[in-house]
Amino acid sequence: MRILGRQANALVVFLLVGLMAGALVGYGTRPEKIAEIRIGPINIEVQGRNIARSQDGELTSTQAEHIAIFTLIGGLIGLGLGFAIQRGKIRL
């Protein structure tokens, strides 16, 4: 696999891409304090305990765990794709 004119290991490339994608998805879907769903006349509101951001704007431990789980899942998917490409089962 060639990236920017250099030979790159597909396993490492897809692992890194999977980790970054998982982290972005995890950060984008992190739980907030209040979740609200409105469908026509139906209004559903869910409030969690100790899930909101801290006072100084940093992530809470629950949000950090959520992001870490998504990052690991993305890394595993990327690792699997890297192995499949390395063994020639998938062609780019």
C-alpha atoms as a PDB file:
ATOM      1  CA  MET A   1       0.000   0.000   0.000  1.00  0.00           C
ATOM      2  CA  ARG A   2       1.441   3.368  -1.018  1.00  0.00           C
ATOM      3  CA  ILE A   3       0.526   6.561   0.822  1.00  0.00           C
ATOM      4  CA  LEU A   4       2.036   9.892  -0.207  1.00  0.00           C
ATOM      5  CA  GLY A   5       4.634   8.104  -2.317  1.00  0.00           C
ATOM      6  CA  ARG A   6       5.846   5.877   0.523  1.00  0.00           C
ATOM      7  CA  GLN A   7       5.302   2.221   1.242  1.00  0.00           C
ATOM      8  CA  ALA A   8       2.999   1.798   4.243  1.00  0.00           C
ATOM      9  CA  ASN A   9       1.898  -1.223   6.234  1.00  0.00           C
ATOM     10  CA  ALA A  10      -1.854  -1.711   5.685  1.00  0.00           C
ATOM     11  CA  LEU A  11      -2.276  -3.098   9.186  1.00  0.00           C
ATOM     12  CA  VAL A  12      -0.874   0.022  10.854  1.00  0.00           C
ATOM     13  CA  VAL A  13      -2.666   2.426   8.526  1.00  0.00           C
ATOM     14  CA  PHE A  14      -6.082   0.872   9.048  1.00  0.00           C
ATOM     15  CA  LEU A  15      -5.509   0.525  12.793  1.00  0.00           C
ATOM     16  CA  LEU A  16      -4.774   4.256  13.066  1.00  0.00           C
ATOM     17  CA  VAL A  17      -7.705   5.198  10.830  1.00  0.00           C
ATOM     18  CA  GLY A  18      -9.999   2.952  12.882  1.00  0.00           C
ATOM     19  CA  LEU A  19      -8.809   4.459  16.165  1.00  0.00           C
ATOM     20  CA  MET A  20      -9.335   8.014  14.894  1.00  0.00           C
ATOM     21  CA  ALA A  21     -12.755   7.216  13.446  1.00  0.00           C
ATOM     22  CA  GLY A  22     -13.816   5.488  16.665  1.00  0.00           C
ATOM     23  CA  ALA A  23     -12.665   8.424  18.771  1.00  0.00           C
ATOM     24  CA  LEU A  24     -14.564  10.903  16.573  1.00  0.00           C
ATOM     25  CA  VAL A  25     -17.745   8.828  16.651  1.00  0.00           C
ATOM     26  CA  GLY A  26     -17.417   8.346  20.412  1.00  0.00           C
ATOM     27  CA  TYR A  27     -16.902  12.057  21.000  1.00  0.00           C
ATOM     28  CA  GLY A  28     -19.806  12.939  18.729  1.00  0.00           C
ATOM     29  CA  THR A  29     -22.171  10.524  20.486  1.00  0.00           C
ATOM     30  CA  ARG A  30     -21.058  11.115  24.081  1.00  0.00           C
ATOM     31  CA  PRO A  31     -23.943  11.195  26.547  1.00  0.00           C
ATOM     32  CA  GLU A  32     -25.190  14.556  27.723  1.00  0.00           C
ATOM     33  CA  LYS A  33     -27.213  15.441  30.771  1.00  0.00           C
ATOM     34  CA  ILE A  34     -30.550  15.664  28.968  1.00  0.00           C
ATOM     35  CA  ALA A  35     -31.672  13.859  25.833  1.00  0.00           C
ATOM     36  CA  GLU A  36     -34.899  14.913  24.172  1.00  0.00           C
ATOM     37  CA  ILE A  37     -36.824  13.282  21.331  1.00  0.00           C
ATOM     38  CA  ARG A  38     -39.763  15.001  19.636  1.00  0.00           C
ATOM     39  CA  ILE A  39     -41.910  13.104  17.165  1.00  0.00           C
ATOM     40  CA  GLY A  40     -45.055  14.996  16.302  1.00  0.00           C
ATOM     41  CA  PRO A  41     -47.114  15.444  19.476  1.00  0.00           C
ATOM     42  CA  ILE A  42     -44.906  13.020  21.451  1.00  0.00           C
ATOM     43  CA  ASN A  43     -42.145  14.556  23.560  1.00  0.00           C
ATOM     44  CA  ILE A  44     -39.741  12.198  25.379  1.00  0.00           C
ATOM     45  CA  GLU A  45     -37.102  13.620  27.696  1.00  0.00           C
ATOM     46  CA  VAL A  46     -34.470  11.523  29.480  1.00  0.00           C
ATOM     47  CA  GLN A  47     -32.344  12.940  32.253  1.00  0.00           C
ATOM     48  CA  GLY A  48     -29.254  11.094  33.456  1.00  0.00           C
ATOM     49  CA  ARG A  49     -27.553  11.378  36.799  1.00  0.00           C
ATOM     50  CA  ASN A  50     -23.905  12.493  36.889  1.00  0.00           C
ATOM     51  CA  ILE A  51     -23.574  12.299  33.122  1.00  0.00           C
ATOM     52  CA  ALA A  52     -23.294  15.998  32.311  1.00  0.00           C
ATOM     53  CA  ARG A  53     -20.057  17.858  31.756  1.00  0.00           C
ATOM     54  CA  SER A  54     -18.176  19.095  34.767  1.00  0.00           C
ATOM     55  CA  GLN A  55     -18.284  22.764  35.711  1.00  0.00           C
ATOM     56  CA  ASP A  56     -14.957  23.555  33.999  1.00  0.00           C
ATOM     57  CA  GLY A  57     -16.097  22.044  30.675  1.00  0.00           C
ATOM     58  CA  GLU A  58     -13.939  18.910  30.770  1.00  0.00           C
ATOM     59  CA  LEU A  59     -15.276  15.431  30.070  1.00  0.00           C
ATOM     60  CA  THR A  60     -16.717  13.396  32.911  1.00  0.00           C
ATOM     61  CA  SER A  61     -15.512   9.857  33.570  1.00  0.00           C
ATOM     62  CA  THR A  62     -18.675   8.404  32.013  1.00  0.00           C
ATOM     63  CA  GLN A  63     -18.105  10.374  28.823  1.00  0.00           C
ATOM     64  CA  ALA A  64     -14.422   9.390  28.732  1.00  0.00           C
ATOM     65  CA  GLU A  65     -15.387   5.706  29.097  1.00  0.00           C
ATOM     66  CA  HIS A  66     -17.898   6.084  26.259  1.00  0.00           C
ATOM     67  CA  ILE A  67     -15.259   7.603  23.971  1.00  0.00           C
ATOM     68  CA  ALA A  68     -12.694   4.944  24.948  1.00  0.00           C
ATOM     69  CA  ILE A  69     -15.114   2.110  24.150  1.00  0.00           C
ATOM     70  CA  PHE A  70     -15.886   3.561  20.718  1.00  0.00           C
ATOM     71  CA  THR A  71     -12.165   4.103  20.083  1.00  0.00           C
ATOM     72  CA  LEU A  72     -11.426   0.456  20.905  1.00  0.00           C
ATOM     73  CA  ILE A  73     -14.252  -0.767  18.669  1.00  0.00           C
ATOM     74  CA  GLY A  74     -12.984   1.409  15.803  1.00  0.00           C
ATOM     75  CA  GLY A  75      -9.446   0.114  16.364  1.00  0.00           C
ATOM     76  CA  LEU A  76     -10.624  -3.493  16.242  1.00  0.00           C
ATOM     77  CA  ILE A  77     -12.542  -2.887  13.022  1.00  0.00           C
ATOM     78  CA  GLY A  78      -9.512  -1.145  11.494  1.00  0.00           C
ATOM     79  CA  LEU A  79      -7.227  -3.961  12.630  1.00  0.00           C
ATOM     80  CA  GLY A  80      -9.541  -6.529  11.045  1.00  0.00           C
ATOM     81  CA  LEU A  81      -9.603  -4.615   7.768  1.00  0.00           C
ATOM     82  CA  GLY A  82      -5.808  -4.280   7.873  1.00  0.00           C
ATOM     83  CA  PHE A  83      -5.395  -8.048   8.298  1.00  0.00           C
ATOM     84  CA  ALA A  84      -7.863  -8.743   5.478  1.00  0.00           C
ATOM     85  CA  ILE A  85      -6.052  -6.389   3.105  1.00  0.00           C
ATOM     86  CA  GLN A  86      -2.629  -7.744   4.065  1.00  0.00           C
ATOM     87  CA  ARG A  87      -3.711 -11.302   3.340  1.00  0.00           C
ATOM     88  CA  GLY A  88      -5.164 -10.285  -0.027  1.00  0.00           C
ATOM     89  CA  LYS A  89      -8.805 -11.015   0.797  1.00  0.00           C
ATOM     90  CA  ILE A  90      -9.791  -7.398   0.080  1.00  0.00           C
ATOM     91  CA  ARG A  91      -8.349  -5.319  -2.746  1.00  0.00           C
ATOM     92  CA  LEU A  92      -8.292  -1.545  -2.788  1.00  0.00           C
END
